[in-house]
């Protein structure tokens, strides 16, 4: 899912550049905004995956007294 969102983000930023060059500012804003959201969602998934892996690798001290 992370890779798919990064690809979508790259395509949408490319589309925003195209729309900017053709003078269509509404489409530029929309494509850039959705592209940036897709990029940050992919980063969120990567960070969440890394945090879950770190939580699983650390020993749980709640049960030992």
C-alpha atoms as a PDB file:
ATOM      1  CA  UNK A   1       0.000   0.000   0.000  1.00  0.00           C
ATOM      2  CA  UNK A   2       2.878   2.314   0.809  1.00  0.00           C
ATOM      3  CA  UNK A   3       4.439   1.919  -2.635  1.00  0.00           C
ATOM      4  CA  UNK A   4       1.104   2.405  -4.378  1.00  0.00           C
ATOM      5  CA  UNK A   5       0.514   5.686  -2.533  1.00  0.00           C
ATOM      6  CA  UNK A   6       4.008   6.926  -3.428  1.00  0.00           C
ATOM      7  CA  UNK A   7       3.374   6.138  -7.100  1.00  0.00           C
ATOM      8  CA  UNK A   8       0.016   7.922  -6.966  1.00  0.00           C
ATOM      9  CA  UNK A   9       1.688  10.917  -5.307  1.00  0.00           C
ATOM     10  CA  UNK A  10       4.369  11.099  -8.006  1.00  0.00           C
ATOM     11  CA  UNK A  11       1.803  10.861 -10.799  1.00  0.00           C
ATOM     12  CA  UNK A  12      -0.387  13.554  -9.245  1.00  0.00           C
ATOM     13  CA  UNK A  13       2.528  15.926  -8.695  1.00  0.00           C
ATOM     14  CA  UNK A  14       3.505  15.360 -12.319  1.00  0.00           C
ATOM     15  CA  UNK A  15      -0.054  16.148 -13.339  1.00  0.00           C
ATOM     16  CA  UNK A  16       0.052  19.297 -11.223  1.00  0.00           C
ATOM     17  CA  UNK A  17       3.190  20.424 -13.066  1.00  0.00           C
ATOM     18  CA  UNK A  18       1.461  19.776 -16.382  1.00  0.00           C
ATOM     19  CA  UNK A  19      -1.627  21.715 -15.327  1.00  0.00           C
ATOM     20  CA  UNK A  20       0.550  24.561 -14.056  1.00  0.00           C
ATOM     21  CA  UNK A  21       2.322  24.813 -17.405  1.00  0.00           C
ATOM     22  CA  UNK A  22      -0.970  24.804 -19.274  1.00  0.00           C
ATOM     23  CA  UNK A  23      -2.378  27.588 -17.064  1.00  0.00           C
ATOM     24  CA  UNK A  24      -5.150  25.631 -15.342  1.00  0.00           C
ATOM     25  CA  UNK A  25      -4.713  26.757 -11.762  1.00  0.00           C
ATOM     26  CA  UNK A  26      -7.772  24.971 -10.330  1.00  0.00           C
ATOM     27  CA  UNK A  27      -6.596  21.584 -11.571  1.00  0.00           C
ATOM     28  CA  UNK A  28      -3.057  22.405 -10.445  1.00  0.00           C
ATOM     29  CA  UNK A  29      -4.196  23.019  -6.892  1.00  0.00           C
ATOM     30  CA  UNK A  30      -6.414  19.921  -6.781  1.00  0.00           C
ATOM     31  CA  UNK A  31      -3.767  17.578  -8.199  1.00  0.00           C
ATOM     32  CA  UNK A  32      -1.044  18.976  -5.939  1.00  0.00           C
ATOM     33  CA  UNK A  33      -3.232  18.800  -2.824  1.00  0.00           C
ATOM     34  CA  UNK A  34      -4.264  15.190  -3.426  1.00  0.00           C
ATOM     35  CA  UNK A  35      -0.695  14.264  -4.376  1.00  0.00           C
ATOM     36  CA  UNK A  36       0.673  15.726  -1.160  1.00  0.00           C
ATOM     37  CA  UNK A  37      -2.008  13.910   0.861  1.00  0.00           C
ATOM     38  CA  UNK A  38      -1.089  10.613  -0.818  1.00  0.00           C
ATOM     39  CA  UNK A  39       2.584  11.200  -0.027  1.00  0.00           C
ATOM     40  CA  UNK A  40       1.919  11.906   3.641  1.00  0.00           C
ATOM     41  CA  UNK A  41      -0.392   8.888   3.905  1.00  0.00           C
ATOM     42  CA  UNK A  42       2.414   6.703   2.547  1.00  0.00           C
ATOM     43  CA  UNK A  43       4.788   8.196   5.115  1.00  0.00           C
ATOM     44  CA  UNK A  44       2.237   7.533   7.878  1.00  0.00           C
ATOM     45  CA  UNK A  45       1.966   3.889   6.846  1.00  0.00           C
ATOM     46  CA  UNK A  46       5.762   3.519   6.824  1.00  0.00           C
ATOM     47  CA  UNK A  47       6.132   5.114  10.267  1.00  0.00           C
ATOM     48  CA  UNK A  48       3.309   3.024  11.720  1.00  0.00           C
ATOM     49  CA  UNK A  49       4.910  -0.144  10.316  1.00  0.00           C
ATOM     50  CA  UNK A  50       8.278   0.834  11.828  1.00  0.00           C
ATOM     51  CA  UNK A  51       6.729   1.596  15.231  1.00  0.00           C
ATOM     52  CA  UNK A  52       4.860  -1.712  15.275  1.00  0.00           C
ATOM     53  CA  UNK A  53       8.061  -3.592  14.425  1.00  0.00           C
ATOM     54  CA  UNK A  54       9.925  -1.787  17.212  1.00  0.00           C
ATOM     55  CA  UNK A  55       7.144  -2.503  19.714  1.00  0.00           C
ATOM     56  CA  UNK A  56       7.202  -6.206  18.858  1.00  0.00           C
ATOM     57  CA  UNK A  57      10.971  -6.472  19.203  1.00  0.00           C
ATOM     58  CA  UNK A  58      11.179  -4.866  22.654  1.00  0.00           C
ATOM     59  CA  UNK A  59      10.428  -7.099  25.669  1.00  0.00           C
ATOM     60  CA  UNK A  60       7.220  -6.390  27.509  1.00  0.00           C
ATOM     61  CA  UNK A  61       7.922  -5.584  31.197  1.00  0.00           C
ATOM     62  CA  UNK A  62       4.298  -5.298  32.323  1.00  0.00           C
ATOM     63  CA  UNK A  63       3.957  -8.902  33.493  1.00  0.00           C
ATOM     64  CA  UNK A  64       7.191  -9.236  35.515  1.00  0.00           C
ATOM     65  CA  UNK A  65       7.236  -8.113  39.139  1.00  0.00           C
END
